Amino acid sequence: MTSAEGLTVSDDLPLGKDSPYVTRYTPSLLRSIERADSRTPLGLDTLLPFSGEDGWTCYEFSWLNARGKPQVAVIRFQVPCASSCIIESKSLKLYLNSFAQTTFASRTELLTTLDSDLALAFRAPAIVSILDVEQTPEPVAQLPGLCLDHLDIDVDCYSHDPGLLKLEESGTIAREAVHSHLFRSVCPITGQPDWASVMIEYFGPRIDHEALLRYLVSFRTHAAFHESTIEQIFMDIIRQCHPDQLTVYGRFTRRGGIDINPFRSTDETVAPAIRLPRQ
């Protein structure tokens, strides 16, 4: 099957299909997608120009304790962007739902199970946390830097166009962080909208803010998975604006009880521990 992104994806992916909800632990529900499938069109190979991680927060998770009493928690895990695979998000939702009527003697046993299954699916170790529902996965905060959304601009391009990016004519060097909450793209399988706030932090020739906002809006009909969308932004800015340092961070709103937050940087490996009000 070929996605709207032009990727060849497995026909056994549950995304976009009616799927039964299994309530007994079934690790075979997880479906992996090779990162290389979306990175090759970006001109990326195994030697990546960035480091970083994907932070996943799963708000709908339950299991039974040794006495049969239901337990609930928030699952948080961080996956290095160097892992060879991502997990298709609906398959993760189905997998997590399969714990609902499954008994675990302890949280240690539960954490060991999650660690093992996710490492196998991502083809890399993930940092997994089981959080009590009274805990907040991250503090609610705003992205750092200047919000571009207040710029009074005309917009007429809603299809991804890196040519919209440009530098200020002053030629000055800047170290700044900017962000926008207007970001929208679409799922490459279902065409459903994906909403996000995107932060860009860089050191280098000053980027024209109005041009940058128009560029981010141009993703409005772009079909791609969250991770490859943020990598597309990173590579476009590197190629068009030539910063010495660059960080791109996407905080996506949740779908199916899960939010995915890709972070890519020339200098940092771990994303800031924040959660936005929309999340």
Protein backbone atom coordinates (compact mmCIF):
# COMPACT_ATOMS: atom_id res chain seq x y z
CA MET A 1 0.00 0.00 0.00
CA THR A 2 1.30 3.49 -0.86
CA SER A 3 0.56 6.33 1.56
CA ALA A 4 -0.25 9.94 0.70
CA GLU A 5 3.38 10.68 1.60
CA GLY A 6 4.49 8.37 -1.18
CA LEU A 7 5.70 5.75 1.28
CA THR A 8 5.23 2.05 0.86
CA VAL A 9 3.57 0.87 4.07
CA SER A 10 2.51 -2.56 5.20
CA ASP A 11 -1.07 -3.59 4.47
CA ASP A 12 -1.35 -4.96 8.02
CA LEU A 13 -1.17 -1.53 9.65
CA PRO A 14 -4.39 -0.93 11.63
CA LEU A 15 -4.44 2.82 10.91
CA GLY A 16 -7.50 3.77 8.86
CA LYS A 17 -9.18 0.41 9.44
CA ASP A 18 -11.78 -0.97 11.81
CA SER A 19 -9.89 -2.94 14.46
CA PRO A 20 -11.15 -5.16 17.29
CA TYR A 21 -10.13 -4.05 20.78
CA VAL A 22 -8.27 -6.89 22.47
CA THR A 23 -8.23 -6.77 26.29
CA ARG A 24 -5.67 -9.51 26.97
CA TYR A 25 -1.99 -8.71 26.66
CA THR A 26 -1.03 -9.08 22.98
CA PRO A 27 2.43 -7.70 22.05
CA SER A 28 2.00 -8.83 18.45
CA LEU A 29 -0.38 -5.88 17.95
CA LEU A 30 2.60 -3.50 17.69
CA ARG A 31 3.55 -2.51 14.14
CA SER A 32 6.92 -0.97 13.26
CA ILE A 33 7.68 1.40 10.37
CA GLU A 34 11.25 1.90 9.16
CA ARG A 35 12.44 5.49 9.62
CA ALA A 36 14.47 5.12 6.43
CA ASP A 37 11.23 5.07 4.40
CA SER A 38 10.60 8.75 5.17
CA ARG A 39 14.24 9.82 5.57
CA THR A 40 15.45 8.72 2.16
CA PRO A 41 13.28 11.32 0.34
CA LEU A 42 14.82 13.96 2.64
CA GLY A 43 18.31 12.96 1.54
CA LEU A 44 19.10 11.43 4.94
CA ASP A 45 21.03 8.24 5.56
CA THR A 46 22.41 6.58 8.68
CA LEU A 47 24.78 9.52 9.36
CA LEU A 48 22.19 11.97 10.68
CA PRO A 49 22.80 15.74 10.86
CA PHE A 50 20.81 15.92 14.10
CA SER A 51 20.32 14.18 17.40
CA GLY A 52 17.21 14.09 19.56
CA GLU A 53 14.28 11.96 20.58
CA ASP A 54 10.57 11.32 20.19
CA GLY A 55 8.62 11.78 23.40
CA TRP A 56 5.38 9.80 23.61
CA THR A 57 2.73 10.34 26.31
CA CYS A 58 -0.06 7.78 26.58
CA TYR A 59 -2.94 8.95 28.76
CA GLU A 60 -5.23 5.89 28.54
CA PHE A 61 -3.65 2.86 30.19
CA SER A 62 -5.00 0.31 32.65
CA TRP A 63 -4.21 -3.17 33.96
CA LEU A 64 -5.20 -5.46 36.86
CA ASN A 65 -3.13 -5.90 39.99
CA ALA A 66 -2.52 -9.27 41.67
CA ARG A 67 -5.87 -9.00 43.47
CA GLY A 68 -7.82 -8.20 40.30
CA LYS A 69 -8.26 -4.50 41.06
CA PRO A 70 -7.96 -2.19 38.03
CA GLN A 71 -5.02 0.19 38.02
CA VAL A 72 -4.57 3.28 35.83
CA ALA A 73 -1.50 5.27 34.90
CA VAL A 74 0.03 7.54 32.29
CA ILE A 75 2.80 5.94 30.25
CA ARG A 76 5.64 8.17 29.11
CA PHE A 77 8.50 6.99 26.94
CA GLN A 78 11.40 8.60 25.12
CA VAL A 79 12.85 7.04 21.99
CA PRO A 80 16.17 8.11 20.45
CA CYS A 81 15.78 9.48 16.93
CA ALA A 82 18.60 7.15 15.90
CA SER A 83 16.31 4.13 16.37
CA SER A 84 15.70 2.36 13.08
CA CYS A 85 11.91 2.26 13.49
CA ILE A 86 8.92 4.19 14.73
CA ILE A 87 5.72 2.55 15.96
CA GLU A 88 2.48 3.15 14.08
CA SER A 89 0.40 5.03 16.64
CA LYS A 90 -2.90 3.15 16.34
CA SER A 91 -1.09 -0.15 16.80
CA LEU A 92 0.40 1.28 20.01
CA LYS A 93 -3.08 2.27 21.20
CA LEU A 94 -4.38 -1.25 20.52
CA TYR A 95 -1.35 -2.77 22.24
CA LEU A 96 -1.81 -0.61 25.35
CA ASN A 97 -5.53 -1.43 25.46
CA SER A 98 -4.64 -5.12 25.50
CA PHE A 99 -3.35 -4.70 29.08
CA ALA A 100 -6.82 -3.81 30.40
CA GLN A 101 -7.82 -7.32 31.55
CA THR A 102 -4.31 -8.61 32.15
CA THR A 103 -2.92 -9.21 35.65
CA PHE A 104 0.55 -8.08 36.67
CA ALA A 105 1.99 -8.97 40.05
CA SER A 106 3.87 -5.67 40.37
CA ARG A 107 4.73 -2.45 38.58
CA THR A 108 8.21 -3.83 38.13
CA GLU A 109 6.83 -6.73 36.09
CA LEU A 110 4.69 -4.31 34.10
CA LEU A 111 7.60 -1.96 33.41
CA THR A 112 9.83 -4.85 32.33
CA THR A 113 7.15 -5.98 29.87
CA LEU A 114 6.74 -2.51 28.38
CA ASP A 115 10.50 -2.01 28.17
CA SER A 116 11.02 -5.26 26.31
CA ASP A 117 8.12 -4.88 23.86
CA LEU A 118 8.84 -1.25 22.96
CA ALA A 119 12.59 -1.85 22.52
CA LEU A 120 11.78 -4.67 20.11
CA ALA A 121 9.32 -2.54 18.12
CA PHE A 122 11.54 0.57 17.97
CA ARG A 123 14.68 -1.55 17.42
CA ALA A 124 16.27 0.51 20.19
CA PRO A 125 15.93 0.92 23.96
CA ALA A 126 13.26 3.36 25.12
CA ILE A 127 13.15 5.15 28.46
CA VAL A 128 9.76 4.11 29.86
CA SER A 129 8.03 5.68 32.87
CA ILE A 130 4.78 4.65 34.57
CA LEU A 131 3.24 7.76 36.15
CA ASP A 132 0.40 7.93 38.66
CA VAL A 133 -2.57 9.88 37.34
CA GLU A 134 -2.04 12.41 40.15
CA GLN A 135 1.34 13.17 38.57
CA THR A 136 1.77 15.49 35.61
CA PRO A 137 3.96 13.99 32.86
CA GLU A 138 5.57 17.41 32.38
CA PRO A 139 4.72 20.82 33.84
CA VAL A 140 2.26 22.86 31.78
CA ALA A 141 4.17 25.74 30.22
CA GLN A 142 4.66 27.71 27.04
CA LEU A 143 7.33 27.16 24.44
CA PRO A 144 10.30 29.51 24.82
CA GLY A 145 10.87 32.52 22.62
CA LEU A 146 8.73 34.80 20.50
CA CYS A 147 5.32 33.63 19.24
CA LEU A 148 5.02 34.36 15.51
CA ASP A 149 1.24 34.02 15.42
CA HIS A 150 0.63 37.71 16.10
CA LEU A 151 2.28 38.77 12.86
CA ASP A 152 -0.24 40.49 10.56
CA ILE A 153 0.52 38.76 7.26
CA ASP A 154 -1.20 37.61 4.09
CA VAL A 155 -1.02 33.87 3.39
CA ASP A 156 -1.87 32.09 0.14
CA CYS A 157 0.27 28.93 0.18
CA TYR A 158 -1.00 25.82 1.96
CA SER A 159 1.22 23.21 0.30
CA HIS A 160 4.70 22.57 1.67
CA ASP A 161 7.10 25.07 0.11
CA PRO A 162 10.65 25.45 1.52
CA GLY A 163 11.19 28.27 -0.99
CA LEU A 164 9.13 30.50 1.31
CA LEU A 165 11.99 30.58 3.81
CA LYS A 166 14.31 33.56 3.55
CA LEU A 167 16.81 35.53 5.60
CA GLU A 168 16.49 39.13 6.71
CA GLU A 169 18.23 41.54 4.34
CA SER A 170 20.20 43.06 7.23
CA GLY A 171 22.54 40.08 7.25
CA THR A 172 22.76 40.16 11.05
CA ILE A 173 23.56 37.08 13.13
CA ALA A 174 20.96 36.04 15.69
CA ARG A 175 20.51 33.57 18.51
CA GLU A 176 16.80 33.26 19.07
CA ALA A 177 13.85 30.98 19.69
CA VAL A 178 10.49 31.42 17.97
CA HIS A 179 7.34 29.31 17.88
CA SER A 180 3.91 28.99 16.33
CA HIS A 181 0.69 27.27 17.41
CA LEU A 182 -0.80 27.46 13.90
CA PHE A 183 0.86 24.31 12.60
CA ARG A 184 -1.26 21.72 10.84
CA SER A 185 -0.36 18.73 8.68
CA VAL A 186 -2.30 15.57 7.80
CA CYS A 187 -1.87 11.87 8.43
CA PRO A 188 -0.40 10.16 5.35
CA ILE A 189 -2.71 7.15 5.77
CA THR A 190 -6.09 8.60 6.79
CA GLY A 191 -5.79 12.26 5.82
CA GLN A 192 -6.92 13.28 9.31
CA PRO A 193 -5.46 16.59 10.55
CA ASP A 194 -2.54 16.67 12.95
CA TRP A 195 -2.22 19.81 15.09
CA ALA A 196 0.97 21.01 16.73
CA SER A 197 2.93 23.85 18.23
CA VAL A 198 6.39 24.09 16.68
CA MET A 199 9.46 25.73 18.22
CA ILE A 200 12.53 26.71 16.22
CA GLU A 201 15.70 27.79 18.01
CA TYR A 202 18.81 28.68 16.05
CA PHE A 203 22.11 30.54 15.90
CA GLY A 204 23.05 31.96 12.54
CA PRO A 205 21.88 34.47 9.94
CA ARG A 206 18.62 36.03 11.13
CA ILE A 207 15.56 34.35 9.58
CA ASP A 208 12.76 36.58 8.35
CA HIS A 209 9.89 35.97 10.79
CA GLU A 210 7.06 36.61 8.35
CA ALA A 211 8.63 34.24 5.83
CA LEU A 212 9.09 31.60 8.53
CA LEU A 213 5.44 31.79 9.58
CA ARG A 214 4.27 31.50 5.97
CA TYR A 215 6.55 28.48 5.59
CA LEU A 216 5.12 26.74 8.66
CA VAL A 217 1.56 27.40 7.44
CA SER A 218 2.49 25.82 4.09
CA PHE A 219 2.43 22.40 5.81
CA ARG A 220 -1.34 22.73 6.22
CA THR A 221 -2.14 20.03 3.64
CA HIS A 222 1.22 18.21 3.82
CA ALA A 223 0.86 14.45 4.42
CA ALA A 224 3.51 12.98 6.71
CA PHE A 225 3.99 11.30 10.07
CA HIS A 226 4.84 13.57 13.01
CA GLU A 227 8.47 12.50 13.13
CA SER A 228 9.21 13.03 9.44
CA THR A 229 7.37 16.38 9.45
CA ILE A 230 9.71 17.78 12.11
CA GLU A 231 12.72 16.34 10.27
CA GLN A 232 11.48 17.99 7.06
CA ILE A 233 11.37 21.37 8.83
CA PHE A 234 14.86 20.81 10.24
CA MET A 235 16.34 19.94 6.85
CA ASP A 236 14.54 22.78 5.03
CA ILE A 237 15.91 25.38 7.47
CA ILE A 238 19.43 23.89 7.31
CA ARG A 239 19.43 24.01 3.51
CA GLN A 240 17.68 27.35 3.03
CA CYS A 241 18.99 29.39 5.98
CA HIS A 242 22.33 27.76 6.89
CA PRO A 243 22.29 28.21 10.68
CA ASP A 244 25.31 27.08 12.72
CA GLN A 245 23.02 25.60 15.36
CA LEU A 246 19.40 24.51 15.05
CA THR A 247 16.72 22.89 17.17
CA VAL A 248 13.20 22.03 15.98
CA TYR A 249 10.63 20.78 18.49
CA GLY A 250 7.06 19.72 17.68
CA ARG A 251 4.46 19.33 20.42
CA PHE A 252 1.49 17.59 18.77
CA THR A 253 -1.97 17.36 20.28
CA ARG A 254 -3.13 13.92 21.26
CA ARG A 255 -5.04 11.47 19.11
CA GLY A 256 -6.45 8.26 20.53
CA GLY A 257 -5.15 9.24 23.96
CA ILE A 258 -1.54 9.56 22.72
CA ASP A 259 0.60 12.56 21.88
CA ILE A 260 3.92 12.37 20.01
CA ASN A 261 6.53 15.10 20.39
CA PRO A 262 9.58 14.90 18.07
CA PHE A 263 12.70 16.87 19.00
CA ARG A 264 15.64 17.33 16.60
CA SER A 265 18.77 19.36 17.32
CA THR A 266 22.35 19.90 16.22
CA ASP A 267 23.38 20.27 19.87
CA GLU A 268 20.88 18.69 22.28
CA THR A 269 19.72 15.12 22.68
CA VAL A 270 16.88 15.51 25.20
CA ALA A 271 13.78 17.66 24.74
CA PRO A 272 12.71 20.26 27.33
CA ALA A 273 10.34 18.78 29.91
CA ILE A 274 7.21 20.81 29.19
CA ARG A 275 3.59 20.18 28.22
CA LEU A 276 1.48 22.78 26.44
CA PRO A 277 -2.03 23.82 27.51
CA ARG A 278 -3.55 22.14 24.39
CA GLN A 279 -2.01 18.86 25.54
